[in-house]
Amino acid sequence: MTTYIAQYRAQHRIIQIEEHSCFTWRQESGEIDIEMLSGKIKRESSSHFFQLIGGQNYPIASEDIEVEIVHTQPF
């Protein structure tokens, strides 16, 4: 298993704040599946970020979040 790091940018469809952050994960060496990584970032990081910004009374749907992977590399 190899640990990787990704720099990414996430935008919400309504909330006008962008998330710029890094994300680490482990996978077998090989090609990085960008679609899988984007989904993982939405579930494990960005949804929590936008929920914090939006507050408890504003539900955050993962369909409203767009993730752009800027760069990835082994960590």
C-alpha atoms as a PDB file:
ATOM      1  CA  MET A   1       0.000   0.000   0.000  1.00  0.00           C
ATOM      2  CA  THR A   2       1.186   3.478  -0.889  1.00  0.00           C
ATOM      3  CA  THR A   3       0.095   6.731   0.744  1.00  0.00           C
ATOM      4  CA  TYR A   4      -0.780   9.525  -1.680  1.00  0.00           C
ATOM      5  CA  ILE A   5      -1.563  13.202  -1.240  1.00  0.00           C
ATOM      6  CA  ALA A   6      -3.832  15.297  -3.454  1.00  0.00           C
ATOM      7  CA  GLN A   7      -4.211  19.037  -3.665  1.00  0.00           C
ATOM      8  CA  TYR A   8      -7.796  19.893  -4.557  1.00  0.00           C
ATOM      9  CA  ARG A   9     -10.346  22.672  -4.872  1.00  0.00           C
ATOM     10  CA  ALA A  10     -14.015  22.166  -4.032  1.00  0.00           C
ATOM     11  CA  GLN A  11     -16.971  24.389  -4.872  1.00  0.00           C
ATOM     12  CA  HIS A  12     -20.553  24.205  -3.699  1.00  0.00           C
ATOM     13  CA  ARG A  13     -23.394  25.026  -6.055  1.00  0.00           C
ATOM     14  CA  ILE A  14     -24.843  27.679  -3.699  1.00  0.00           C
ATOM     15  CA  ILE A  15     -22.316  28.461  -0.955  1.00  0.00           C
ATOM     16  CA  GLN A  16     -19.942  31.078  -2.338  1.00  0.00           C
ATOM     17  CA  ILE A  17     -16.786  29.905  -0.542  1.00  0.00           C
ATOM     18  CA  GLU A  18     -14.194  27.622  -2.169  1.00  0.00           C
ATOM     19  CA  GLU A  19     -12.361  24.960  -0.231  1.00  0.00           C
ATOM     20  CA  HIS A  20      -8.671  24.668  -1.100  1.00  0.00           C
ATOM     21  CA  SER A  21      -7.085  21.776   0.740  1.00  0.00           C
ATOM     22  CA  CYS A  22      -5.066  18.556   0.672  1.00  0.00           C
ATOM     23  CA  PHE A  23      -6.281  14.997   1.119  1.00  0.00           C
ATOM     24  CA  THR A  24      -4.297  11.849   1.894  1.00  0.00           C
ATOM     25  CA  TRP A  25      -5.331   8.250   1.223  1.00  0.00           C
ATOM     26  CA  ARG A  26      -3.824   4.812   0.839  1.00  0.00           C
ATOM     27  CA  GLN A  27      -4.160   2.516  -2.146  1.00  0.00           C
ATOM     28  CA  GLU A  28      -2.280  -0.143  -3.991  1.00  0.00           C
ATOM     29  CA  SER A  29       0.341   1.354  -6.272  1.00  0.00           C
ATOM     30  CA  GLY A  30      -0.861   2.124  -9.757  1.00  0.00           C
ATOM     31  CA  GLU A  31      -3.145   4.506 -11.570  1.00  0.00           C
ATOM     32  CA  ILE A  32      -5.131   6.983  -9.496  1.00  0.00           C
ATOM     33  CA  ASP A  33      -8.843   6.852 -10.284  1.00  0.00           C
ATOM     34  CA  ILE A  34      -9.740  10.568 -10.271  1.00  0.00           C
ATOM     35  CA  GLU A  35     -13.494   9.913 -10.192  1.00  0.00           C
ATOM     36  CA  MET A  36     -13.113   7.598  -7.179  1.00  0.00           C
ATOM     37  CA  LEU A  37     -10.829  10.141  -5.486  1.00  0.00           C
ATOM     38  CA  SER A  38     -13.280  13.004  -6.084  1.00  0.00           C
ATOM     39  CA  GLY A  39     -16.092  10.969  -4.532  1.00  0.00           C
ATOM     40  CA  LYS A  40     -13.930  10.061  -1.558  1.00  0.00           C
ATOM     41  CA  ILE A  41     -13.009  13.733  -0.999  1.00  0.00           C
ATOM     42  CA  LYS A  42     -16.686  14.760  -1.230  1.00  0.00           C
ATOM     43  CA  ARG A  43     -17.757  12.148   1.351  1.00  0.00           C
ATOM     44  CA  GLU A  44     -14.848  12.373   3.770  1.00  0.00           C
ATOM     45  CA  SER A  45     -13.858  16.051   3.634  1.00  0.00           C
ATOM     46  CA  SER A  46     -15.779  18.582   1.527  1.00  0.00           C
ATOM     47  CA  SER A  47     -19.280  17.689   2.712  1.00  0.00           C
ATOM     48  CA  HIS A  48     -18.127  18.317   6.304  1.00  0.00           C
ATOM     49  CA  PHE A  49     -16.442  21.593   5.331  1.00  0.00           C
ATOM     50  CA  PHE A  50     -19.553  22.945   3.599  1.00  0.00           C
ATOM     51  CA  GLN A  51     -21.798  21.693   6.430  1.00  0.00           C
ATOM     52  CA  LEU A  52     -19.654  23.699   8.854  1.00  0.00           C
ATOM     53  CA  ILE A  53     -19.965  26.794   6.665  1.00  0.00           C
ATOM     54  CA  GLY A  54     -23.669  26.320   5.873  1.00  0.00           C
ATOM     55  CA  GLY A  55     -24.782  25.566   9.416  1.00  0.00           C
ATOM     56  CA  GLN A  56     -27.008  22.882  10.846  1.00  0.00           C
ATOM     57  CA  ASN A  57     -30.181  24.143   9.150  1.00  0.00           C
ATOM     58  CA  TYR A  58     -28.753  23.855   5.623  1.00  0.00           C
ATOM     59  CA  PRO A  59     -28.510  20.295   4.283  1.00  0.00           C
ATOM     60  CA  ILE A  60     -25.474  19.599   2.092  1.00  0.00           C
ATOM     61  CA  ALA A  61     -25.906  17.159  -0.792  1.00  0.00           C
ATOM     62  CA  SER A  62     -22.819  15.667  -2.405  1.00  0.00           C
ATOM     63  CA  GLU A  63     -24.385  16.327  -5.834  1.00  0.00           C
ATOM     64  CA  ASP A  64     -24.015  20.060  -5.100  1.00  0.00           C
ATOM     65  CA  ILE A  65     -20.250  19.800  -4.610  1.00  0.00           C
ATOM     66  CA  GLU A  66     -17.734  19.835  -7.462  1.00  0.00           C
ATOM     67  CA  VAL A  67     -14.161  18.714  -6.757  1.00  0.00           C
ATOM     68  CA  GLU A  68     -11.227  19.573  -8.992  1.00  0.00           C
ATOM     69  CA  ILE A  69      -8.029  17.587  -8.402  1.00  0.00           C
ATOM     70  CA  VAL A  70      -5.107  19.971  -8.895  1.00  0.00           C
ATOM     71  CA  HIS A  71      -2.181  17.640  -8.246  1.00  0.00           C
ATOM     72  CA  THR A  72      -1.450  14.176  -6.808  1.00  0.00           C
ATOM     73  CA  GLN A  73       1.756  12.439  -5.764  1.00  0.00           C
ATOM     74  CA  PRO A  74       3.029   9.700  -3.446  1.00  0.00           C
ATOM     75  CA  PHE A  75       3.361  10.994   0.106  1.00  0.00           C
END
